[in-house]
C-alpha atoms as a PDB file:
ATOM      1  CA  MET A   1       8.427   7.355 -34.942  1.00  0.00           C
ATOM      2  CA  LYS A   2      12.069   6.973 -33.939  1.00  0.00           C
ATOM      3  CA  ASN A   3      11.909  10.197 -31.886  1.00  0.00           C
ATOM      4  CA  TYR A   4       8.791   8.954 -30.111  1.00  0.00           C
ATOM      5  CA  LEU A   5      10.393   5.609 -29.214  1.00  0.00           C
ATOM      6  CA  ASN A   6      13.537   7.412 -28.063  1.00  0.00           C
ATOM      7  CA  TYR A   7      11.427   9.718 -25.858  1.00  0.00           C
ATOM      8  CA  LEU A   8       9.415   6.757 -24.564  1.00  0.00           C
ATOM      9  CA  LEU A   9      12.444   4.659 -23.651  1.00  0.00           C
ATOM     10  CA  ASN A  10      14.659   7.444 -22.299  1.00  0.00           C
ATOM     11  CA  GLU A  11      12.193   9.714 -20.511  1.00  0.00           C
ATOM     12  CA  MET A  12       8.684   8.364 -20.040  1.00  0.00           C
ATOM     13  CA  ILE A  13       9.398   4.842 -18.783  1.00  0.00           C
ATOM     14  CA  PRO A  14      12.229   5.863 -16.389  1.00  0.00           C
ATOM     15  CA  GLY A  15      10.035   8.711 -15.105  1.00  0.00           C
ATOM     16  CA  LEU A  16       7.168   6.302 -14.513  1.00  0.00           C
ATOM     17  CA  ILE A  17       9.436   3.883 -12.654  1.00  0.00           C
ATOM     18  CA  LYS A  18      10.949   6.689 -10.536  1.00  0.00           C
ATOM     19  CA  GLY A  19       7.495   8.021  -9.693  1.00  0.00           C
ATOM     20  CA  THR A  20       6.205   4.595  -8.725  1.00  0.00           C
ATOM     21  CA  LEU A  21       9.235   3.889  -6.522  1.00  0.00           C
ATOM     22  CA  ARG A  22       8.935   7.300  -4.869  1.00  0.00           C
ATOM     23  CA  PHE A  23       5.234   6.692  -4.183  1.00  0.00           C
ATOM     24  CA  ILE A  24       6.001   3.307  -2.602  1.00  0.00           C
ATOM     25  CA  THR A  25       8.861   4.623  -0.471  1.00  0.00           C
ATOM     26  CA  GLU A  26       6.832   7.636   0.720  1.00  0.00           C
ATOM     27  CA  THR A  27       3.886   5.379   1.568  1.00  0.00           C
ATOM     28  CA  LEU A  28       6.111   3.029   3.561  1.00  0.00           C
ATOM     29  CA  ARG A  29       7.732   5.999   5.318  1.00  0.00           C
ATOM     30  CA  VAL A  30       4.322   7.354   6.389  1.00  0.00           C
ATOM     31  CA  ILE A  31       3.187   3.917   7.551  1.00  0.00           C
ATOM     32  CA  ARG A  32       6.408   3.535   9.552  1.00  0.00           C
ATOM     33  CA  MET A  33       5.982   7.001  11.106  1.00  0.00           C
ATOM     34  CA  TYR A  34       2.381   6.403  12.145  1.00  0.00           C
ATOM     35  CA  ALA A  35       2.485   2.629  12.729  1.00  0.00           C
ATOM     36  CA  LEU A  36       1.657   2.915  16.428  1.00  0.00           C
ATOM     37  CA  TRP A  37      -1.355   5.164  15.751  1.00  0.00           C
ATOM     38  CA  ILE A  38      -2.556   2.887  12.938  1.00  0.00           C
ATOM     39  CA  ILE A  39      -2.338  -0.160  15.230  1.00  0.00           C
ATOM     40  CA  VAL A  40      -4.150   1.630  18.073  1.00  0.00           C
ATOM     41  CA  ILE A  41      -6.962   2.787  15.767  1.00  0.00           C
ATOM     42  CA  LEU A  42      -7.341  -0.689  14.254  1.00  0.00           C
ATOM     43  CA  LEU A  43      -7.463  -2.245  17.742  1.00  0.00           C
ATOM     44  CA  ILE A  44     -10.143   0.225  18.844  1.00  0.00           C
ATOM     45  CA  LEU A  45     -12.183  -0.464  15.724  1.00  0.00           C
ATOM     46  CA  TYR A  46     -11.709  -4.220  16.154  1.00  0.00           C
ATOM     47  CA  PHE A  47     -12.637  -4.526  19.819  1.00  0.00           C
ATOM     48  CA  ALA A  48     -15.489  -2.010  19.627  1.00  0.00           C
ATOM     49  CA  ASP A  49     -16.629  -3.645  16.357  1.00  0.00           C
ATOM     50  CA  ILE A  50     -17.304  -0.246  14.808  1.00  0.00           C
ATOM     51  CA  ALA A  51     -18.736  -0.441  11.266  1.00  0.00           C
ATOM     52  CA  GLY A  52     -18.119  -4.194  11.069  1.00  0.00           C
ATOM     53  CA  ALA A  53     -14.361  -3.754  11.413  1.00  0.00           C
ATOM     54  CA  ARG A  54     -13.969  -7.072  13.231  1.00  0.00           C
ATOM     55  CA  GLY A  55     -15.329  -9.042  10.278  1.00  0.00           C
ATOM     56  CA  GLN A  56     -13.210  -7.125   7.768  1.00  0.00           C
ATOM     57  CA  ILE A  57     -10.006  -7.535   9.786  1.00  0.00           C
ATOM     58  CA  ASN A  58     -10.702 -11.242  10.347  1.00  0.00           C
ATOM     59  CA  GLY A  59     -11.394 -11.610   6.619  1.00  0.00           C
ATOM     60  CA  PHE A  60      -8.108  -9.904   5.790  1.00  0.00           C
ATOM     61  CA  PHE A  61      -6.124 -12.247   8.058  1.00  0.00           C
ATOM     62  CA  HIS A  62      -8.016 -15.259   6.672  1.00  0.00           C
ATOM     63  CA  SER A  63      -7.148 -14.194   3.103  1.00  0.00           C
ATOM     64  CA  PHE A  64      -3.558 -13.481   4.092  1.00  0.00           C
ATOM     65  CA  LYS A  65      -3.151 -16.944   5.658  1.00  0.00           C
ATOM     66  CA  HIS A  66      -4.506 -18.607   2.512  1.00  0.00           C
ATOM     67  CA  TRP A  67      -2.231 -16.455   0.357  1.00  0.00           C
ATOM     68  CA  LEU A  68       0.825 -17.693   2.297  1.00  0.00           C
ATOM     69  CA  HIS A  69      -0.008 -21.361   1.651  1.00  0.00           C
END
């Protein structure tokens, strides 16, 4: 039991935290690299109202505004 707790505290939990942080930083890096393309695609979907994108984007901003208050 002591070996398991030692392994859990010294290897598994730090590995999980490192993996999570790496995932977040890589995701943010990709978003930053392709931010202009993401914005252009969202604008096209919004103004052309493809697949109900206008309602979903408006709903997201509505939820975001209520989350800030």
